[in-house]
Amino acid sequence: MKKIILIFLICLKLQAQSYPDFKSLRYDENYEVLQKDTVKKSWYKTMKYLPLSSSGETYLSFGGEVRYQYFYAKNEKWGDDPQDPDGYILNRLLLHADFHSSKYFRAFIQLQSSNANGRIDPSPVDSNPLEVHQGFIDINILSEKNKQLVFRAGRQELSYGSQRLVAVRDGPNNRQSFDAAKAIFGYNNFHTDLFYSHYVVAQDGIFDDYSNKKRQFWGSYFVINKIPAIKNVDLYYLGYQRANANFDDASGKELRHSIGTRIWGKYDEWRYDAEAVYQFGDVESKNIKAWTVSLNTGYRFASVVLKPEFGFKVELISGDKTNGDNQLNTFNPLFPRGAYFGLASVIGPSNLVDFHPSIALELAKNIDWVIDYDMFWRYSSEDGIYGPNTIMIYPGDATDAKEIGKQLESEIIYTPNQYLYFRVEATWFKAGDFLKAAGTGKDMFFTGVTMQIKF
């Protein structure tokens, strides 16, 4: 307890000083600004900016994250998974070093250790004892205020847009990465990435993760900002090939192309995020024709007590129309954020209709209370339901019923500063007619506590 209090006091002291904000992708942080910082030198400032040359242009920066979580689930996977009466603890440690030599060369390395204590049969998403999670070099051809051209090669995290298709997978215990070559170009309000990669497969040993050549992923992602009326637009193409795909009505080699667009932004207290994706290609002899559309919007009453924000999200995600024909209509979400519909829900965004109202309240400074209610149906009664990684949970032939279930979730989040994060959450999932026909179909309860320190 004394150590926890000491860490808390140190973080409060750091809050009083001015340091760059942490990023979801830690390699996006830039501590070169500390070169001109007149604040008295401290151990933390030295850790974030350690000059290795008289000019200060060659320097090292260190950082990381420690996260502990306790979870308890009753009737996990609606009663079909082994039951654990005591719950389990997840912990994750991330440590990175960032080396810069002038403005033209940079090397970044990050280690990750994810462990599951008391978890029955943990998957690589929960447990990966020690790995080189990221390790890449940057060659900066052009690095100016409004112009950028960078070539990056090595193991790295990829994250684009709303993370519906390409994400770091921060919610689960083990983040995901890719062995990739990438070109990054930016000019004024235009930014684009071009990349080719192999997915990195997590193993349960030490330094044994490997690049899977049977799962190739490539694409281009364009972002245009400050557009009149619509604010921001994303346009993208993503290609994906894997040797062994398994859907309810198709299996074998998969070659899938995704083209999509996203419009997002904010007007006063309104926020909006709309996205549409179409997929084509083939799985063995079946032609792929799949799609999804989504809308995520909300409005905050900033002048009202508790500053309530009312949100609403809806997603339509295609599933296979006709079992046994020469087409596959099941949408593949590729590499989405984990715990896509909350940490308790194992459902992924394939063959789904989702209506999701929510309300967020500001209980006090840095304390938020979020309540949301989610309703799930199968889009097609001919197709099953899948996890976020398209692994089938239940096939679709048990019943014609489409209702999967309803989920009520509540969480309280406390962020005293950018270094500390605390969350308490609880979720109740009422099983619908499809789950009762396809499996045990018990209602599921899930609760958890999260504590996180970043540095």
Protein backbone atom coordinates (compact mmCIF):
# COMPACT_ATOMS: atom_id res chain seq x y z
CA MET A 1 0.00 0.00 0.00
CA LYS A 2 2.88 2.39 0.81
CA LYS A 3 4.36 1.82 -2.66
CA ILE A 4 1.01 2.58 -4.31
CA ILE A 5 0.66 5.82 -2.31
CA LEU A 6 4.24 6.81 -3.21
CA ILE A 7 3.62 6.22 -6.94
CA PHE A 8 0.39 8.23 -6.70
CA LEU A 9 2.21 11.19 -5.07
CA ILE A 10 5.00 11.07 -7.67
CA CYS A 11 2.43 11.18 -10.48
CA LEU A 12 0.68 14.15 -8.87
CA LYS A 13 4.01 15.97 -8.69
CA LEU A 14 4.74 15.24 -12.35
CA GLN A 15 1.32 16.64 -13.22
CA ALA A 16 2.48 20.07 -12.07
CA GLN A 17 5.19 20.06 -14.73
CA SER A 18 4.67 20.37 -18.47
CA TYR A 19 5.36 17.23 -20.50
CA PRO A 20 3.93 16.09 -23.87
CA ASP A 21 0.76 14.00 -23.67
CA PHE A 22 0.99 10.23 -23.98
CA LYS A 23 -0.24 8.73 -27.25
CA SER A 24 -2.06 5.48 -27.99
CA LEU A 25 0.88 4.65 -30.26
CA ARG A 26 3.80 5.43 -27.99
CA TYR A 27 6.16 5.93 -30.92
CA ASP A 28 4.13 9.02 -31.88
CA GLU A 29 5.38 10.87 -28.79
CA ASN A 30 8.07 13.52 -29.29
CA TYR A 31 10.17 14.66 -26.34
CA GLU A 32 12.63 16.76 -28.32
CA VAL A 33 10.73 19.81 -27.03
CA LEU A 34 12.38 19.18 -23.63
CA GLN A 35 15.68 20.30 -25.18
CA LYS A 36 14.56 23.90 -24.70
CA ASP A 37 12.74 23.30 -21.43
CA THR A 38 14.03 25.55 -18.66
CA VAL A 39 12.49 23.49 -15.85
CA LYS A 40 15.07 22.18 -13.39
CA LYS A 41 16.53 18.85 -14.46
CA SER A 42 14.91 15.82 -12.79
CA TRP A 43 15.14 12.04 -13.03
CA TYR A 44 11.90 11.94 -15.01
CA LYS A 45 12.99 14.62 -17.47
CA THR A 46 16.28 12.75 -17.96
CA MET A 47 14.35 9.53 -18.65
CA LYS A 48 12.16 11.22 -21.25
CA TYR A 49 15.00 13.19 -22.87
CA LEU A 50 18.61 12.05 -22.48
CA PRO A 51 20.89 14.01 -24.88
CA LEU A 52 23.77 12.06 -26.39
CA SER A 53 25.36 14.92 -28.34
CA SER A 54 26.28 18.52 -27.61
CA SER A 55 23.62 19.78 -30.02
CA GLY A 56 20.93 17.70 -28.33
CA GLU A 57 19.70 16.34 -31.67
CA THR A 58 20.90 12.85 -30.81
CA TYR A 59 19.03 11.61 -27.77
CA LEU A 60 17.31 8.70 -26.05
CA SER A 61 13.83 8.59 -24.56
CA PHE A 62 12.41 5.86 -22.32
CA GLY A 63 8.86 5.08 -21.28
CA GLY A 64 6.36 2.39 -20.48
CA GLU A 65 3.17 1.26 -18.87
CA VAL A 66 2.10 -1.04 -16.03
CA ARG A 67 -1.49 -2.31 -15.97
CA TYR A 68 -3.23 -4.62 -13.48
CA GLN A 69 -6.76 -5.94 -13.90
CA TYR A 70 -8.99 -8.22 -11.85
CA PHE A 71 -11.98 -9.83 -13.58
CA TYR A 72 -14.77 -12.11 -12.46
CA ALA A 73 -17.25 -13.74 -14.85
CA LYS A 74 -20.31 -15.82 -14.13
CA ASN A 75 -21.47 -18.09 -17.01
CA GLU A 76 -18.60 -17.03 -19.27
CA LYS A 77 -19.48 -17.51 -22.93
CA TRP A 78 -23.09 -17.91 -21.79
CA GLY A 79 -22.30 -21.02 -19.75
CA ASP A 80 -20.35 -23.00 -22.36
CA ASP A 81 -16.83 -22.19 -21.13
CA PRO A 82 -15.26 -23.71 -17.99
CA GLN A 83 -16.46 -21.73 -14.98
CA ASP A 84 -14.04 -20.04 -12.57
CA PRO A 85 -15.55 -19.20 -9.16
CA ASP A 86 -12.63 -16.98 -8.05
CA GLY A 87 -11.89 -14.75 -11.02
CA TYR A 88 -8.46 -14.00 -12.41
CA ILE A 89 -5.77 -11.29 -12.58
CA LEU A 90 -4.24 -9.92 -15.77
CA ASN A 91 -1.09 -7.81 -15.76
CA ARG A 92 0.77 -6.13 -18.59
CA LEU A 93 4.15 -4.43 -18.69
CA LEU A 94 5.30 -2.36 -21.66
CA LEU A 95 8.79 -0.79 -21.80
CA HIS A 96 10.26 1.13 -24.72
CA ALA A 97 13.39 2.99 -25.78
CA ASP A 98 13.36 5.60 -28.55
CA PHE A 99 16.68 6.64 -30.15
CA HIS A 100 16.95 9.71 -32.41
CA SER A 101 20.05 10.67 -34.37
CA SER A 102 19.48 14.10 -35.90
CA LYS A 103 16.13 14.50 -37.62
CA TYR A 104 16.88 11.87 -40.26
CA PHE A 105 17.23 8.59 -38.33
CA ARG A 106 15.27 6.99 -35.53
CA ALA A 107 15.13 3.51 -33.92
CA PHE A 108 12.34 2.35 -31.61
CA ILE A 109 12.11 -0.83 -29.56
CA GLN A 110 9.39 -1.98 -27.16
CA LEU A 111 9.14 -5.07 -24.95
CA GLN A 112 5.81 -6.48 -23.78
CA SER A 113 5.07 -8.93 -20.98
CA SER A 114 1.46 -10.06 -20.49
CA ASN A 115 0.46 -12.58 -17.84
CA ALA A 116 -2.79 -14.22 -16.74
CA ASN A 117 -2.90 -15.47 -13.14
CA GLY A 118 -5.77 -17.80 -12.25
CA ARG A 119 -7.17 -17.74 -15.77
CA ILE A 120 -8.45 -21.14 -16.94
CA ASP A 121 -6.75 -22.05 -20.24
CA PRO A 122 -5.58 -18.52 -21.17
CA SER A 123 -5.21 -17.69 -24.87
CA PRO A 124 -2.28 -15.75 -26.41
CA VAL A 125 -4.52 -12.68 -26.21
CA ASP A 126 -4.34 -13.00 -22.40
CA SER A 127 -0.87 -14.45 -21.83
CA ASN A 128 2.42 -13.77 -23.61
CA PRO A 129 5.24 -13.80 -21.02
CA LEU A 130 7.89 -11.75 -22.84
CA GLU A 131 8.31 -10.59 -26.41
CA VAL A 132 9.87 -7.96 -28.63
CA HIS A 133 6.57 -6.28 -29.37
CA GLN A 134 8.00 -3.55 -31.58
CA GLY A 135 11.39 -2.91 -33.15
CA PHE A 136 11.75 -0.68 -36.20
CA ILE A 137 13.83 2.06 -37.80
CA ASP A 138 12.70 5.28 -39.45
CA ILE A 139 14.48 7.08 -42.28
CA ASN A 140 13.19 10.66 -42.45
CA ILE A 141 13.60 11.93 -46.00
CA LEU A 142 11.57 15.05 -45.36
CA SER A 143 10.77 16.43 -41.93
CA GLU A 144 9.33 19.94 -41.84
CA LYS A 145 6.43 21.60 -40.07
CA ASN A 146 3.82 20.86 -42.75
CA LYS A 147 5.71 18.26 -44.81
CA GLN A 148 6.68 14.71 -43.95
CA LEU A 149 8.14 11.73 -45.79
CA VAL A 150 9.25 8.77 -43.69
CA PHE A 151 10.17 5.18 -44.51
CA ARG A 152 9.68 2.71 -41.67
CA ALA A 153 10.71 -0.96 -41.51
CA GLY A 154 10.42 -3.55 -38.77
CA ARG A 155 7.99 -4.83 -36.16
CA GLN A 156 5.39 -2.20 -35.36
CA GLU A 157 1.84 -1.49 -34.26
CA LEU A 158 -0.70 -0.39 -36.85
CA SER A 159 -3.78 1.66 -36.04
CA TYR A 160 -6.11 3.45 -38.43
CA GLY A 161 -9.29 5.47 -38.15
CA SER A 162 -11.80 4.32 -35.54
CA GLN A 163 -9.88 1.02 -35.16
CA ARG A 164 -12.83 -0.96 -36.53
CA LEU A 165 -10.53 -2.78 -38.98
CA VAL A 166 -6.94 -2.09 -37.87
CA ALA A 167 -6.19 -1.58 -34.17
CA VAL A 168 -3.54 -1.95 -31.48
CA ARG A 169 -6.00 -4.15 -29.51
CA ASP A 170 -5.39 -2.30 -26.25
CA GLY A 171 -8.44 -3.61 -24.36
CA PRO A 172 -7.23 -7.24 -24.09
CA ASN A 173 -4.04 -8.02 -22.19
CA ASN A 174 -1.75 -8.54 -25.19
CA ARG A 175 -1.50 -5.83 -27.85
CA GLN A 176 -0.93 -6.93 -31.46
CA SER A 177 1.78 -5.97 -33.94
CA PHE A 178 2.97 -6.56 -37.51
CA ASP A 179 6.28 -7.05 -39.30
CA ALA A 180 5.89 -4.30 -41.87
CA ALA A 181 7.43 -1.88 -44.33
CA LYS A 182 5.64 1.45 -44.45
CA ALA A 183 5.88 4.80 -46.25
CA ILE A 184 4.40 7.80 -44.42
CA PHE A 185 3.64 11.01 -46.30
CA GLY A 186 2.07 14.21 -45.03
CA TYR A 187 1.48 17.58 -46.65
CA ASN A 188 -0.54 20.31 -44.92
CA ASN A 189 -3.98 18.76 -44.21
CA PHE A 190 -3.32 15.55 -46.14
CA HIS A 191 -1.78 12.39 -44.67
CA THR A 192 -1.32 8.91 -46.10
CA ASP A 193 0.29 5.59 -45.18
CA LEU A 194 1.25 2.83 -47.63
CA PHE A 195 2.23 -0.48 -46.03
CA TYR A 196 2.84 -4.20 -46.52
CA SER A 197 3.03 -6.57 -43.55
CA HIS A 198 2.87 -10.03 -42.01
CA TYR A 199 0.87 -10.53 -38.83
CA VAL A 200 2.91 -11.34 -35.71
CA VAL A 201 1.60 -14.48 -34.00
CA ALA A 202 1.77 -14.47 -30.19
CA GLN A 203 3.17 -17.60 -28.50
CA ASP A 204 3.17 -18.69 -24.84
CA GLY A 205 6.96 -18.71 -24.47
CA ILE A 206 9.71 -16.10 -24.19
CA PHE A 207 10.90 -14.26 -27.31
CA ASP A 208 9.14 -16.81 -29.55
CA ASP A 209 6.56 -14.68 -31.38
CA TYR A 210 6.94 -15.04 -35.12
CA SER A 211 6.02 -13.39 -38.39
CA ASN A 212 3.26 -15.39 -40.08
CA LYS A 213 3.86 -15.38 -43.84
CA LYS A 214 0.51 -17.12 -44.29
CA ARG A 215 -1.27 -13.97 -43.04
CA GLN A 216 -0.34 -11.08 -45.31
CA PHE A 217 -1.82 -7.62 -44.86
CA TRP A 218 -1.28 -4.53 -47.02
CA GLY A 219 -2.99 -1.31 -47.92
CA SER A 220 -3.15 2.45 -48.19
CA TYR A 221 -4.91 4.83 -45.79
CA PHE A 222 -5.61 8.49 -46.67
CA VAL A 223 -6.77 11.17 -44.22
CA ILE A 224 -7.88 14.65 -45.27
CA ASN A 225 -8.51 17.17 -42.47
CA LYS A 226 -10.13 20.62 -42.24
CA ILE A 227 -12.64 20.06 -45.04
CA PRO A 228 -15.51 22.58 -45.06
CA ALA A 229 -18.80 21.24 -43.64
CA ILE A 230 -17.75 17.59 -43.13
CA LYS A 231 -14.47 18.35 -41.30
CA ASN A 232 -12.49 15.11 -41.82
CA VAL A 233 -12.55 12.27 -44.36
CA ASP A 234 -10.70 8.93 -44.42
CA LEU A 235 -10.38 6.91 -47.64
CA TYR A 236 -8.72 3.51 -47.62
CA TYR A 237 -7.96 0.23 -49.33
CA LEU A 238 -6.91 -2.83 -47.31
CA GLY A 239 -5.81 -6.17 -48.73
CA TYR A 240 -5.68 -9.39 -46.73
CA GLN A 241 -4.62 -12.94 -47.55
CA ARG A 242 -4.51 -15.98 -45.27
CA ALA A 243 -3.97 -19.63 -45.97
CA ASN A 244 -6.71 -21.09 -43.76
CA ALA A 245 -9.98 -19.24 -43.28
CA ASN A 246 -13.04 -20.82 -41.67
CA PHE A 247 -16.53 -19.38 -42.00
CA ASP A 248 -19.91 -21.01 -41.55
CA ASP A 249 -20.26 -21.59 -45.31
CA ALA A 250 -16.67 -21.45 -46.61
CA SER A 251 -13.16 -22.53 -45.71
CA GLY A 252 -9.75 -22.46 -47.35
CA LYS A 253 -7.46 -19.79 -48.78
CA GLU A 254 -8.88 -16.29 -48.40
CA LEU A 255 -8.02 -13.23 -50.51
CA ARG A 256 -10.08 -10.25 -49.42
CA HIS A 257 -10.05 -6.61 -50.51
CA SER A 258 -11.71 -3.86 -48.45
CA ILE A 259 -12.46 -0.35 -49.68
CA GLY A 260 -13.97 2.14 -47.28
CA THR A 261 -14.57 5.70 -46.23
CA ARG A 262 -15.11 7.44 -42.93
CA ILE A 263 -16.49 10.91 -42.16
CA TRP A 264 -15.84 12.21 -38.67
CA GLY A 265 -15.58 15.36 -36.64
CA LYS A 266 -17.18 17.65 -34.10
CA TYR A 267 -19.46 20.68 -34.20
CA ASP A 268 -19.70 22.47 -30.85
CA GLU A 269 -21.08 19.75 -28.56
CA TRP A 270 -21.98 17.33 -31.39
CA ARG A 271 -19.61 14.53 -32.36
CA TYR A 272 -20.09 12.17 -35.27
CA ASP A 273 -18.33 9.22 -36.90
CA ALA A 274 -19.84 7.46 -39.91
CA GLU A 275 -18.14 4.66 -41.86
CA ALA A 276 -18.92 2.37 -44.78
CA VAL A 277 -16.88 -0.59 -46.07
CA TYR A 278 -17.31 -2.95 -49.03
CA GLN A 279 -15.36 -6.21 -49.35
CA PHE A 280 -14.70 -8.44 -52.36
CA GLY A 281 -12.38 -11.31 -53.25
CA ASP A 282 -12.71 -15.05 -52.73
CA VAL A 283 -12.46 -17.92 -50.26
CA GLU A 284 -11.50 -20.97 -52.32
CA SER A 285 -14.20 -21.12 -55.03
CA LYS A 286 -16.65 -18.72 -53.36
CA ASN A 287 -16.82 -15.05 -54.30
CA ILE A 288 -16.82 -12.55 -51.45
CA LYS A 289 -19.47 -9.83 -51.41
CA ALA A 290 -19.65 -8.31 -47.92
CA TRP A 291 -20.19 -4.90 -46.38
CA THR A 292 -20.81 -2.85 -43.25
CA VAL A 293 -22.14 0.62 -42.40
CA SER A 294 -21.96 2.31 -39.01
CA LEU A 295 -22.88 5.57 -37.30
CA ASN A 296 -21.56 6.71 -33.94
CA THR A 297 -22.83 10.08 -32.72
CA GLY A 298 -23.43 11.96 -29.50
CA TYR A 299 -24.30 15.32 -27.98
CA ARG A 300 -23.02 16.75 -24.69
CA PHE A 301 -25.06 19.23 -22.62
CA ALA A 302 -22.03 21.13 -21.32
CA SER A 303 -24.06 23.74 -19.38
CA VAL A 304 -26.18 21.17 -17.49
CA VAL A 305 -25.28 19.60 -14.13
CA LEU A 306 -23.07 16.49 -14.64
CA LYS A 307 -22.59 17.52 -18.30
CA PRO A 308 -24.48 14.50 -19.69
CA GLU A 309 -23.56 13.20 -23.13
CA PHE A 310 -26.20 11.15 -24.90
CA GLY A 311 -24.74 8.82 -27.48
CA PHE A 312 -26.08 6.45 -30.08
CA LYS A 313 -24.33 3.89 -32.23
CA VAL A 314 -25.78 1.60 -34.88
CA GLU A 315 -23.98 -0.98 -37.03
CA LEU A 316 -25.23 -3.15 -39.87
CA ILE A 317 -22.72 -5.89 -40.71
CA SER A 318 -23.40 -8.42 -43.44
CA GLY A 319 -23.61 -12.17 -42.96
CA ASP A 320 -23.90 -14.99 -45.48
CA LYS A 321 -27.28 -14.88 -47.26
CA THR A 322 -27.60 -18.42 -48.60
CA ASN A 323 -25.84 -21.46 -47.25
CA GLY A 324 -24.39 -23.66 -50.01
CA ASP A 325 -24.27 -21.15 -52.88
CA ASN A 326 -21.15 -19.80 -54.63
CA GLN A 327 -21.02 -16.54 -52.63
CA LEU A 328 -19.76 -15.62 -49.17
CA ASN A 329 -21.34 -12.53 -47.63
CA THR A 330 -19.75 -12.76 -44.18
CA PHE A 331 -17.89 -9.55 -43.29
CA ASN A 332 -14.32 -9.95 -42.04
CA PRO A 333 -13.27 -7.19 -39.56
CA LEU A 334 -9.58 -8.03 -40.19
CA PHE A 335 -7.63 -6.81 -37.12
CA PRO A 336 -10.13 -4.84 -35.00
CA ARG A 337 -9.84 -3.59 -31.45
CA GLY A 338 -10.36 -6.43 -28.99
CA ALA A 339 -13.40 -6.55 -26.71
CA TYR A 340 -15.22 -4.88 -29.58
CA PHE A 341 -18.54 -4.48 -27.75
CA GLY A 342 -17.11 -4.22 -24.23
CA LEU A 343 -14.78 -6.42 -22.23
CA ALA A 344 -17.53 -8.89 -21.31
CA SER A 345 -18.80 -9.53 -24.81
CA VAL A 346 -17.03 -12.08 -26.97
CA ILE A 347 -19.06 -11.16 -30.07
CA GLY A 348 -17.16 -9.77 -33.04
CA PRO A 349 -18.40 -7.51 -35.86
CA SER A 350 -19.55 -10.14 -38.38
CA ASN A 351 -23.16 -11.02 -39.33
CA LEU A 352 -24.57 -8.52 -36.88
CA VAL A 353 -27.11 -5.78 -36.28
CA ASP A 354 -26.21 -3.64 -33.28
CA PHE A 355 -28.15 -0.78 -31.63
CA HIS A 356 -26.23 0.92 -28.85
CA PRO A 357 -27.59 3.94 -26.88
CA SER A 358 -25.45 5.36 -24.05
CA ILE A 359 -25.12 8.16 -21.53
CA ALA A 360 -21.94 9.58 -19.98
CA LEU A 361 -21.96 11.73 -16.85
CA GLU A 362 -19.18 13.85 -15.36
CA LEU A 363 -19.50 13.07 -11.64
CA ALA A 364 -16.55 15.28 -10.72
CA LYS A 365 -13.37 16.57 -12.28
CA ASN A 366 -11.65 13.58 -13.92
CA ILE A 367 -14.41 11.14 -12.84
CA ASP A 368 -16.84 9.87 -15.51
CA TRP A 369 -19.74 7.43 -15.26
CA VAL A 370 -20.77 5.69 -18.48
CA ILE A 371 -23.90 3.57 -18.92
CA ASP A 372 -24.72 1.87 -22.20
CA TYR A 373 -27.27 -0.62 -23.43
CA ASP A 374 -26.55 -2.84 -26.43
CA MET A 375 -28.97 -4.93 -28.48
CA PHE A 376 -27.65 -7.63 -30.84
CA TRP A 377 -29.25 -9.59 -33.68
CA ARG A 378 -27.85 -11.75 -36.43
CA TYR A 379 -28.03 -9.96 -39.76
CA SER A 380 -28.66 -13.26 -41.57
CA SER A 381 -30.27 -16.36 -40.09
CA GLU A 382 -28.19 -18.46 -42.52
CA ASP A 383 -24.90 -17.51 -40.83
CA GLY A 384 -23.44 -18.00 -37.35
CA ILE A 385 -21.86 -15.56 -34.91
CA TYR A 386 -18.12 -14.93 -34.66
CA GLY A 387 -15.48 -13.54 -32.34
CA PRO A 388 -13.49 -10.39 -33.26
CA ASN A 389 -10.89 -12.63 -34.97
CA THR A 390 -13.64 -14.34 -37.09
CA ILE A 391 -13.30 -17.59 -35.12
CA MET A 392 -16.81 -19.04 -35.07
CA ILE A 393 -18.60 -19.02 -31.72
CA TYR A 394 -21.76 -20.84 -32.88
CA PRO A 395 -22.80 -21.97 -36.38
CA GLY A 396 -26.05 -20.65 -37.79
CA ASP A 397 -28.01 -23.86 -38.34
CA ALA A 398 -29.35 -24.36 -34.79
CA THR A 399 -32.34 -22.05 -35.27
CA ASP A 400 -33.85 -19.35 -37.48
CA ALA A 401 -34.01 -16.97 -34.51
CA LYS A 402 -31.99 -13.81 -34.99
CA GLU A 403 -31.96 -12.30 -31.50
CA ILE A 404 -28.54 -12.81 -29.89
CA GLY A 405 -29.17 -10.88 -26.71
CA LYS A 406 -29.07 -7.61 -24.80
CA GLN A 407 -26.18 -6.16 -22.84
CA LEU A 408 -26.23 -3.55 -20.04
CA GLU A 409 -22.86 -2.11 -19.07
CA SER A 410 -21.78 0.47 -16.51
CA GLU A 411 -18.31 1.79 -15.73
CA ILE A 412 -16.77 4.51 -13.59
CA ILE A 413 -13.48 5.94 -14.85
CA TYR A 414 -11.10 8.05 -12.78
CA THR A 415 -8.14 9.76 -14.49
CA PRO A 416 -6.44 12.09 -11.97
CA ASN A 417 -3.79 12.92 -14.59
CA GLN A 418 -2.24 11.46 -17.74
CA TYR A 419 -0.08 9.09 -15.70
CA LEU A 420 -2.83 7.29 -13.74
CA TYR A 421 -6.00 5.53 -14.84
CA PHE A 422 -8.59 3.61 -12.79
CA ARG A 423 -11.77 1.88 -13.95
CA VAL A 424 -14.51 -0.15 -12.24
CA GLU A 425 -17.04 -1.87 -14.49
CA ALA A 426 -19.91 -4.34 -14.52
CA THR A 427 -21.80 -5.93 -17.41
CA TRP A 428 -24.92 -8.08 -17.59
CA PHE A 429 -25.69 -9.94 -20.83
CA LYS A 430 -29.17 -11.44 -21.23
CA ALA A 431 -29.04 -14.33 -23.69
CA GLY A 432 -31.51 -14.21 -26.57
CA ASP A 433 -33.30 -16.95 -28.52
CA PHE A 434 -30.34 -17.73 -30.78
CA LEU A 435 -27.91 -18.29 -27.89
CA LYS A 436 -30.43 -20.48 -26.08
CA ALA A 437 -30.84 -22.67 -29.17
CA ALA A 438 -27.14 -22.77 -30.19
CA GLY A 439 -25.62 -23.35 -26.74
CA THR A 440 -26.35 -23.40 -23.03
CA GLY A 441 -27.73 -19.88 -23.32
CA LYS A 442 -27.29 -18.70 -19.74
CA ASP A 443 -27.25 -15.02 -18.85
CA MET A 444 -23.71 -13.75 -18.28
CA PHE A 445 -22.40 -11.40 -15.58
CA PHE A 446 -18.97 -9.78 -15.72
CA THR A 447 -17.19 -7.33 -13.42
CA GLY A 448 -13.68 -5.98 -13.21
CA VAL A 449 -11.23 -3.40 -11.85
CA THR A 450 -8.39 -1.81 -13.84
CA MET A 451 -5.38 0.14 -12.55
CA GLN A 452 -2.83 1.61 -14.96
CA ILE A 453 0.30 3.73 -14.70
CA LYS A 454 2.02 5.29 -17.72
CA PHE A 455 5.43 6.93 -17.73
